[in-house]
PDB file of N, CA and C in Angstrom:
ATOM      1  N   MET A   1      79.335  51.724 113.602  1.00  0.00           N
ATOM      2  CA  MET A   1      79.553  52.070 112.212  1.00  0.00           C
ATOM      3  C   MET A   1      78.680  53.298 112.021  1.00  0.00           C
ATOM      4  N   SER A   2      79.599  54.337 111.280  1.00  0.00           N
ATOM      5  CA  SER A   2      79.157  55.947 110.761  1.00  0.00           C
ATOM      6  C   SER A   2      78.050  55.531 109.834  1.00  0.00           C
ATOM      7  N   ASN A   3      76.961  55.875 109.710  1.00  0.00           N
ATOM      8  CA  ASN A   3      76.724  56.238 107.782  1.00  0.00           C
ATOM      9  C   ASN A   3      76.170  57.626 108.078  1.00  0.00           C
ATOM     10  N   VAL A   4      75.377  57.701 107.150  1.00  0.00           N
ATOM     11  CA  VAL A   4      74.501  59.753 106.740  1.00  0.00           C
ATOM     12  C   VAL A   4      73.503  59.311 107.601  1.00  0.00           C
ATOM     13  N   LYS A   5      72.844  58.839 107.866  1.00  0.00           N
ATOM     14  CA  LYS A   5      71.925  58.634 108.352  1.00  0.00           C
ATOM     15  C   LYS A   5      72.160  59.221 110.189  1.00  0.00           C
ATOM     16  N   THR A   6      73.182  58.255 110.494  1.00  0.00           N
ATOM     17  CA  THR A   6      74.131  58.630 112.175  1.00  0.00           C
ATOM     18  C   THR A   6      74.559  60.518 111.877  1.00  0.00           C
ATOM     19  N   GLU A   7      75.249  60.502 110.322  1.00  0.00           N
ATOM     20  CA  GLU A   7      75.906  61.742 110.485  1.00  0.00           C
ATOM     21  C   GLU A   7      74.830  62.895 110.607  1.00  0.00           C
ATOM     22  N   ILE A   8      73.679  62.779 110.636  1.00  0.00           N
ATOM     23  CA  ILE A   8      72.506  63.675 110.309  1.00  0.00           C
ATOM     24  C   ILE A   8      71.603  64.152 111.315  1.00  0.00           C
ATOM     25  N   ALA A   9      71.391  62.834 112.431  1.00  0.00           N
ATOM     26  CA  ALA A   9      71.337  62.606 113.313  1.00  0.00           C
ATOM     27  C   ALA A   9      72.115  63.851 114.383  1.00  0.00           C
ATOM     28  N   ALA A  10      73.008  63.979 114.623  1.00  0.00           N
ATOM     29  CA  ALA A  10      74.170  64.178 115.233  1.00  0.00           C
ATOM     30  C   ALA A  10      74.278  65.476 114.622  1.00  0.00           C
ATOM     31  N   LEU A  11      74.009  66.036 113.774  1.00  0.00           N
ATOM     32  CA  LEU A  11      74.230  66.950 113.389  1.00  0.00           C
ATOM     33  C   LEU A  11      72.373  68.283 113.914  1.00  0.00           C
ATOM     34  N   VAL A  12      71.744  67.096 113.781  1.00  0.00           N
ATOM     35  CA  VAL A  12      70.446  67.251 114.324  1.00  0.00           C
ATOM     36  C   VAL A  12      70.449  67.764 115.668  1.00  0.00           C
ATOM     37  N   ALA A  13      71.109  66.527 116.635  1.00  0.00           N
ATOM     38  CA  ALA A  13      70.871  66.891 118.099  1.00  0.00           C
ATOM     39  C   ALA A  13      71.837  67.480 118.326  1.00  0.00           C
ATOM     40  N   LYS A  14      73.000  68.046 118.121  1.00  0.00           N
ATOM     41  CA  LYS A  14      73.348  69.748 118.408  1.00  0.00           C
ATOM     42  C   LYS A  14      73.245  70.405 117.507  1.00  0.00           C
ATOM     43  N   LYS A  15      72.259  70.410 116.622  1.00  0.00           N
ATOM     44  CA  LYS A  15      71.690  71.807 116.406  1.00  0.00           C
ATOM     45  C   LYS A  15      70.249  72.544 117.533  1.00  0.00           C
ATOM     46  N   VAL A  16      69.532  71.484 117.896  1.00  0.00           N
ATOM     47  CA  VAL A  16      68.493  71.855 118.174  1.00  0.00           C
ATOM     48  C   VAL A  16      68.490  71.799 120.030  1.00  0.00           C
ATOM     49  N   LYS A  17      70.111  70.770 120.240  1.00  0.00           N
ATOM     50  CA  LYS A  17      70.167  70.512 121.389  1.00  0.00           C
ATOM     51  C   LYS A  17      69.172  69.601 122.172  1.00  0.00           C
ATOM     52  N   ILE A  18      68.971  67.928 121.011  1.00  0.00           N
ATOM     53  CA  ILE A  18      68.147  66.966 121.766  1.00  0.00           C
ATOM     54  C   ILE A  18      69.177  66.143 122.224  1.00  0.00           C
ATOM     55  N   THR A  19      69.263  64.580 122.876  1.00  0.00           N
ATOM     56  CA  THR A  19      69.866  63.268 122.798  1.00  0.00           C
ATOM     57  C   THR A  19      70.018  63.065 121.146  1.00  0.00           C
ATOM     58  N   ASP A  20      71.421  62.220 120.838  1.00  0.00           N
ATOM     59  CA  ASP A  20      71.589  61.619 119.778  1.00  0.00           C
ATOM     60  C   ASP A  20      69.828  60.943 119.737  1.00  0.00           C
ATOM     61  N   ALA A  21      69.605  59.575 120.560  1.00  0.00           N
ATOM     62  CA  ALA A  21      68.307  58.606 120.356  1.00  0.00           C
ATOM     63  C   ALA A  21      67.477  59.785 119.516  1.00  0.00           C
ATOM     64  N   GLN A  22      67.162  60.746 120.547  1.00  0.00           N
ATOM     65  CA  GLN A  22      65.833  61.754 120.419  1.00  0.00           C
ATOM     66  C   GLN A  22      66.550  61.984 118.757  1.00  0.00           C
ATOM     67  N   ALA A  23      66.971  62.014 118.227  1.00  0.00           N
ATOM     68  CA  ALA A  23      67.341  62.989 117.012  1.00  0.00           C
ATOM     69  C   ALA A  23      67.501  61.860 115.914  1.00  0.00           C
ATOM     70  N   LEU A  24      68.401  60.656 116.129  1.00  0.00           N
ATOM     71  CA  LEU A  24      68.211  59.679 115.188  1.00  0.00           C
ATOM     72  C   LEU A  24      66.677  59.370 115.251  1.00  0.00           C
ATOM     73  N   GLN A  25      65.577  59.113 116.265  1.00  0.00           N
ATOM     74  CA  GLN A  25      64.099  58.956 115.582  1.00  0.00           C
ATOM     75  C   GLN A  25      63.550  60.160 114.791  1.00  0.00           C
ATOM     76  N   ALA A  26      63.789  61.231 114.762  1.00  0.00           N
ATOM     77  CA  ALA A  26      63.463  62.361 114.304  1.00  0.00           C
ATOM     78  C   ALA A  26      64.217  62.025 112.919  1.00  0.00           C
ATOM     79  N   VAL A  27      64.886  61.939 112.805  1.00  0.00           N
ATOM     80  CA  VAL A  27      65.879  61.556 111.672  1.00  0.00           C
ATOM     81  C   VAL A  27      64.909  60.580 110.211  1.00  0.00           C
ATOM     82  N   GLU A  28      65.079  59.538 111.582  1.00  0.00           N
ATOM     83  CA  GLU A  28      63.861  57.789 110.372  1.00  0.00           C
ATOM     84  C   GLU A  28      62.611  58.410 110.212  1.00  0.00           C
ATOM     85  N   VAL A  29      62.007  59.044 111.303  1.00  0.00           N
ATOM     86  CA  VAL A  29      60.687  59.644 110.948  1.00  0.00           C
ATOM     87  C   VAL A  29      60.713  60.747 109.541  1.00  0.00           C
ATOM     88  N   VAL A  30      61.494  61.416 109.788  1.00  0.00           N
ATOM     89  CA  VAL A  30      60.931  62.556 108.410  1.00  0.00           C
ATOM     90  C   VAL A  30      62.220  61.902 107.531  1.00  0.00           C
ATOM     91  N   LEU A  31      63.092  60.830 107.273  1.00  0.00           N
ATOM     92  CA  LEU A  31      63.461  59.655 106.536  1.00  0.00           C
ATOM     93  C   LEU A  31      62.398  58.938 105.457  1.00  0.00           C
ATOM     94  N   ASP A  32      61.492  58.357 106.296  1.00  0.00           N
ATOM     95  CA  ASP A  32      60.257  57.496 106.094  1.00  0.00           C
ATOM     96  C   ASP A  32      59.481  58.071 105.541  1.00  0.00           C
ATOM     97  N   PHE A  33      59.044  59.164 105.838  1.00  0.00           N
ATOM     98  CA  PHE A  33      58.269  59.787 105.103  1.00  0.00           C
ATOM     99  C   PHE A  33      58.591  60.255 103.910  1.00  0.00           C
ATOM    100  N   VAL A  34      59.942  61.219 103.566  1.00  0.00           N
ATOM    101  CA  VAL A  34      60.617  61.579 102.325  1.00  0.00           C
ATOM    102  C   VAL A  34      61.055  59.748 101.505  1.00  0.00           C
ATOM    103  N   GLU A  35      60.712  59.404 102.053  1.00  0.00           N
ATOM    104  CA  GLU A  35      61.303  57.566 101.315  1.00  0.00           C
ATOM    105  C   GLU A  35      59.586  57.417 100.740  1.00  0.00           C
ATOM    106  N   LYS A  36      58.166  57.552 101.631  1.00  0.00           N
ATOM    107  CA  LYS A  36      57.510  57.105 101.246  1.00  0.00           C
ATOM    108  C   LYS A  36      56.683  57.852  99.387  1.00  0.00           C
ATOM    109  N   LYS A  37      57.186  59.415  99.964  1.00  0.00           N
ATOM    110  CA  LYS A  37      57.233  60.203  98.465  1.00  0.00           C
ATOM    111  C   LYS A  37      57.703  59.970  97.184  1.00  0.00           C
ATOM    112  N   LEU A  38      58.628  58.718  97.621  1.00  0.00           N
ATOM    113  CA  LEU A  38      59.389  59.260  95.749  1.00  0.00           C
ATOM    114  C   LEU A  38      59.139  57.935  95.464  1.00  0.00           C
ATOM    115  N   PRO A  39      59.400  57.654  93.985  1.00  0.00           N
ATOM    116  CA  PRO A  39      58.866  56.721  93.341  1.00  0.00           C
ATOM    117  C   PRO A  39      59.511  55.604  94.052  1.00  0.00           C
ATOM    118  N   PRO A  40      59.421  54.194  94.171  1.00  0.00           N
ATOM    119  CA  PRO A  40      60.143  53.300  94.500  1.00  0.00           C
ATOM    120  C   PRO A  40      61.060  53.150  93.851  1.00  0.00           C
ATOM    121  N   ASN A  41      61.512  53.374  92.482  1.00  0.00           N
ATOM    122  CA  ASN A  41      63.338  53.517  92.449  1.00  0.00           C
ATOM    123  C   ASN A  41      64.097  53.682  92.992  1.00  0.00           C
ATOM    124  N   ILE A  42      64.031  54.735  92.978  1.00  0.00           N
ATOM    125  CA  ILE A  42      64.133  55.662  93.647  1.00  0.00           C
ATOM    126  C   ILE A  42      64.648  55.353  95.601  1.00  0.00           C
ATOM    127  N   GLY A  43      63.272  55.278  95.882  1.00  0.00           N
ATOM    128  CA  GLY A  43      62.943  55.000  97.323  1.00  0.00           C
ATOM    129  C   GLY A  43      64.542  54.248  98.119  1.00  0.00           C
ATOM    130  N   SER A  44      64.180  52.813  96.920  1.00  0.00           N
ATOM    131  CA  SER A  44      64.846  51.489  97.256  1.00  0.00           C
ATOM    132  C   SER A  44      66.176  52.568  97.515  1.00  0.00           C
ATOM    133  N   LYS A  45      66.776  53.079  96.171  1.00  0.00           N
ATOM    134  CA  LYS A  45      68.343  53.803  96.486  1.00  0.00           C
ATOM    135  C   LYS A  45      69.121  54.445  97.730  1.00  0.00           C
ATOM    136  N   LEU A  46      67.371  54.875  98.390  1.00  0.00           N
ATOM    137  CA  LEU A  46      67.654  55.988  99.289  1.00  0.00           C
ATOM    138  C   LEU A  46      68.107  55.375 100.740  1.00  0.00           C
ATOM    139  N   ASP A  47      68.429  54.567 100.914  1.00  0.00           N
ATOM    140  CA  ASP A  47      68.198  53.296 101.999  1.00  0.00           C
ATOM    141  C   ASP A  47      70.094  53.258 101.618  1.00  0.00           C
ATOM    142  N   ALA A  48      70.403  52.677 100.761  1.00  0.00           N
ATOM    143  CA  ALA A  48      71.803  52.703  99.844  1.00  0.00           C
ATOM    144  C   ALA A  48      72.659  53.842 100.410  1.00  0.00           C
ATOM    145  N   ILE A  49      72.301  54.597  99.976  1.00  0.00           N
ATOM    146  CA  ILE A  49      72.544  56.454  99.919  1.00  0.00           C
ATOM    147  C   ILE A  49      72.932  56.573 101.474  1.00  0.00           C
ATOM    148  N   LEU A  50      71.957  56.246 102.185  1.00  0.00           N
ATOM    149  CA  LEU A  50      71.967  56.494 103.670  1.00  0.00           C
ATOM    150  C   LEU A  50      72.823  55.633 104.608  1.00  0.00           C
ATOM    151  N   ALA A  51      73.475  55.096 103.875  1.00  0.00           N
ATOM    152  CA  ALA A  51      73.947  53.641 104.597  1.00  0.00           C
ATOM    153  C   ALA A  51      75.882  53.683 104.177  1.00  0.00           C
ATOM    154  N   GLY A  52      76.080  55.066 103.240  1.00  0.00           N
ATOM    155  CA  GLY A  52      77.156  55.191 102.591  1.00  0.00           C
ATOM    156  C   GLY A  52      77.828  54.046 101.676  1.00  0.00           C
ATOM    157  N   ASN A  53      77.009  53.008 100.717  1.00  0.00           N
ATOM    158  CA  ASN A  53      76.750  52.396 100.132  1.00  0.00           C
ATOM    159  C   ASN A  53      77.204  52.740  98.914  1.00  0.00           C
ATOM    160  N   ILE A  54      76.370  53.572  98.393  1.00  0.00           N
ATOM    161  CA  ILE A  54      76.833  54.080  97.311  1.00  0.00           C
ATOM    162  C   ILE A  54      77.713  55.725  97.207  1.00  0.00           C
ATOM    163  N   ASP A  55      78.426  55.906  96.917  1.00  0.00           N
ATOM    164  CA  ASP A  55      79.454  56.893  96.632  1.00  0.00           C
ATOM    165  C   ASP A  55      79.178  57.554  95.508  1.00  0.00           C
ATOM    166  N   LEU A  56      78.298  59.105  96.384  1.00  0.00           N
ATOM    167  CA  LEU A  56      78.806  59.938  95.317  1.00  0.00           C
ATOM    168  C   LEU A  56      79.473  61.143  94.699  1.00  0.00           C
ATOM    169  N   SER A  57      80.499  60.475  94.920  1.00  0.00           N
ATOM    170  CA  SER A  57      81.783  61.653  95.605  1.00  0.00           C
ATOM    171  C   SER A  57      82.352  62.017  93.823  1.00  0.00           C
ATOM    172  N   ASP A  58      82.336  60.624  92.858  1.00  0.00           N
ATOM    173  CA  ASP A  58      82.699  61.154  91.714  1.00  0.00           C
ATOM    174  C   ASP A  58      81.961  61.181  91.045  1.00  0.00           C
ATOM    175  N   GLY A  59      80.894  61.988  91.415  1.00  0.00           N
ATOM    176  CA  GLY A  59      80.020  62.765  90.407  1.00  0.00           C
ATOM    177  C   GLY A  59      78.438  61.047  89.771  1.00  0.00           C
ATOM    178  N   ILE A  60      78.771  60.693  89.857  1.00  0.00           N
ATOM    179  CA  ILE A  60      78.046  59.252  88.968  1.00  0.00           C
ATOM    180  C   ILE A  60      77.132  59.370  90.101  1.00  0.00           C
ATOM    181  N   GLY A  61      76.116  60.368  89.348  1.00  0.00           N
ATOM    182  CA  GLY A  61      74.666  59.742  90.085  1.00  0.00           C
ATOM    183  C   GLY A  61      73.907  60.931  90.351  1.00  0.00           C
ATOM    184  N   LEU A  62      75.479  62.412  90.195  1.00  0.00           N
ATOM    185  CA  LEU A  62      74.754  63.477  90.580  1.00  0.00           C
ATOM    186  C   LEU A  62      74.204  63.945  90.075  1.00  0.00           C
ATOM    187  N   ASP A  63      73.438  64.339  89.078  1.00  0.00           N
ATOM    188  CA  ASP A  63      72.726  64.388  88.597  1.00  0.00           C
ATOM    189  C   ASP A  63      71.663  64.317  88.574  1.00  0.00           C
ATOM    190  N   ASP A  64      71.231  62.999  88.963  1.00  0.00           N
ATOM    191  CA  ASP A  64      69.792  62.839  89.286  1.00  0.00           C
ATOM    192  C   ASP A  64      69.603  62.543  90.433  1.00  0.00           C
ATOM    193  N   ALA A  65      70.149  62.511  91.368  1.00  0.00           N
ATOM    194  CA  ALA A  65      69.769  63.241  92.695  1.00  0.00           C
ATOM    195  C   ALA A  65      70.178  64.594  93.146  1.00  0.00           C
ATOM    196  N   ALA A  66      70.797  65.728  92.252  1.00  0.00           N
ATOM    197  CA  ALA A  66      70.533  67.357  91.760  1.00  0.00           C
ATOM    198  C   ALA A  66      68.671  67.050  91.500  1.00  0.00           C
ATOM    199  N   GLY A  67      68.333  66.531  90.509  1.00  0.00           N
ATOM    200  CA  GLY A  67      67.109  66.653  89.767  1.00  0.00           C
ATOM    201  C   GLY A  67      66.157  66.227  91.099  1.00  0.00           C
ATOM    202  N   LEU A  68      66.465  65.048  91.612  1.00  0.00           N
ATOM    203  CA  LEU A  68      65.789  64.269  92.944  1.00  0.00           C
ATOM    204  C   LEU A  68      64.856  65.725  94.112  1.00  0.00           C
ATOM    205  N   LEU A  69      65.901  66.061  93.762  1.00  0.00           N
ATOM    206  CA  LEU A  69      66.237  67.264  95.646  1.00  0.00           C
ATOM    207  C   LEU A  69      65.200  68.167  94.518  1.00  0.00           C
ATOM    208  N   GLY A  70      65.193  68.359  93.603  1.00  0.00           N
ATOM    209  CA  GLY A  70      64.619  70.354  92.703  1.00  0.00           C
ATOM    210  C   GLY A  70      63.401  70.007  92.992  1.00  0.00           C
ATOM    211  N   GLY A  71      62.993  68.109  92.490  1.00  0.00           N
ATOM    212  CA  GLY A  71      61.759  68.121  92.283  1.00  0.00           C
ATOM    213  C   GLY A  71      61.178  68.295  93.940  1.00  0.00           C
ATOM    214  N   LEU A  72      61.581  67.583  94.497  1.00  0.00           N
ATOM    215  CA  LEU A  72      60.679  67.164  96.346  1.00  0.00           C
ATOM    216  C   LEU A  72      61.021  69.215  96.353  1.00  0.00           C
ATOM    217  N   MET A  73      61.984  69.906  96.190  1.00  0.00           N
ATOM    218  CA  MET A  73      61.889  71.352  96.863  1.00  0.00           C
ATOM    219  C   MET A  73      60.920  72.454  95.848  1.00  0.00           C
ATOM    220  N   GLY A  74      60.004  71.342  94.612  1.00  0.00           N
ATOM    221  CA  GLY A  74      59.166  72.339  94.210  1.00  0.00           C
ATOM    222  C   GLY A  74      59.637  72.810  92.994  1.00  0.00           C
ATOM    223  N   GLY A  75      60.628  72.600  92.404  1.00  0.00           N
ATOM    224  CA  GLY A  75      61.969  72.878  91.300  1.00  0.00           C
ATOM    225  C   GLY A  75      61.622  72.626  90.286  1.00  0.00           C
ATOM    226  N   ASN A  76      61.705  73.004  88.899  1.00  0.00           N
ATOM    227  CA  ASN A  76      61.702  72.428  87.318  1.00  0.00           C
ATOM    228  C   ASN A  76      62.721  71.186  87.442  1.00  0.00           C
ATOM    229  N   ASN A  77      61.791  70.554  85.968  1.00  0.00           N
ATOM    230  CA  ASN A  77      62.303  69.109  87.223  1.00  0.00           C
ATOM    231  C   ASN A  77      62.894  69.040  84.858  1.00  0.00           C
ATOM    232  N   LYS A  78      62.863  69.616  84.342  1.00  0.00           N
ATOM    233  CA  LYS A  78      63.225  69.765  82.601  1.00  0.00           C
ATOM    234  C   LYS A  78      64.659  69.596  82.385  1.00  0.00           C
TER     235      LYS A  78
END
């Protein structure tokens, strides 16, 4: 079963020419780091999003996701 984490790992493996296992390990390290930096209520949702259990395609939650990404990238959260 595919989920967002494995899809990201596949892209990383292809882009930097490493094995799928190495890419998955790298993605897990990065996501673990990001999750620890997020507020607990957001971090807990990250796992569900990455597992594909939350569908953001209908627009629900996209504002929150965009604000979160802006904050992570140093943007203005006003």
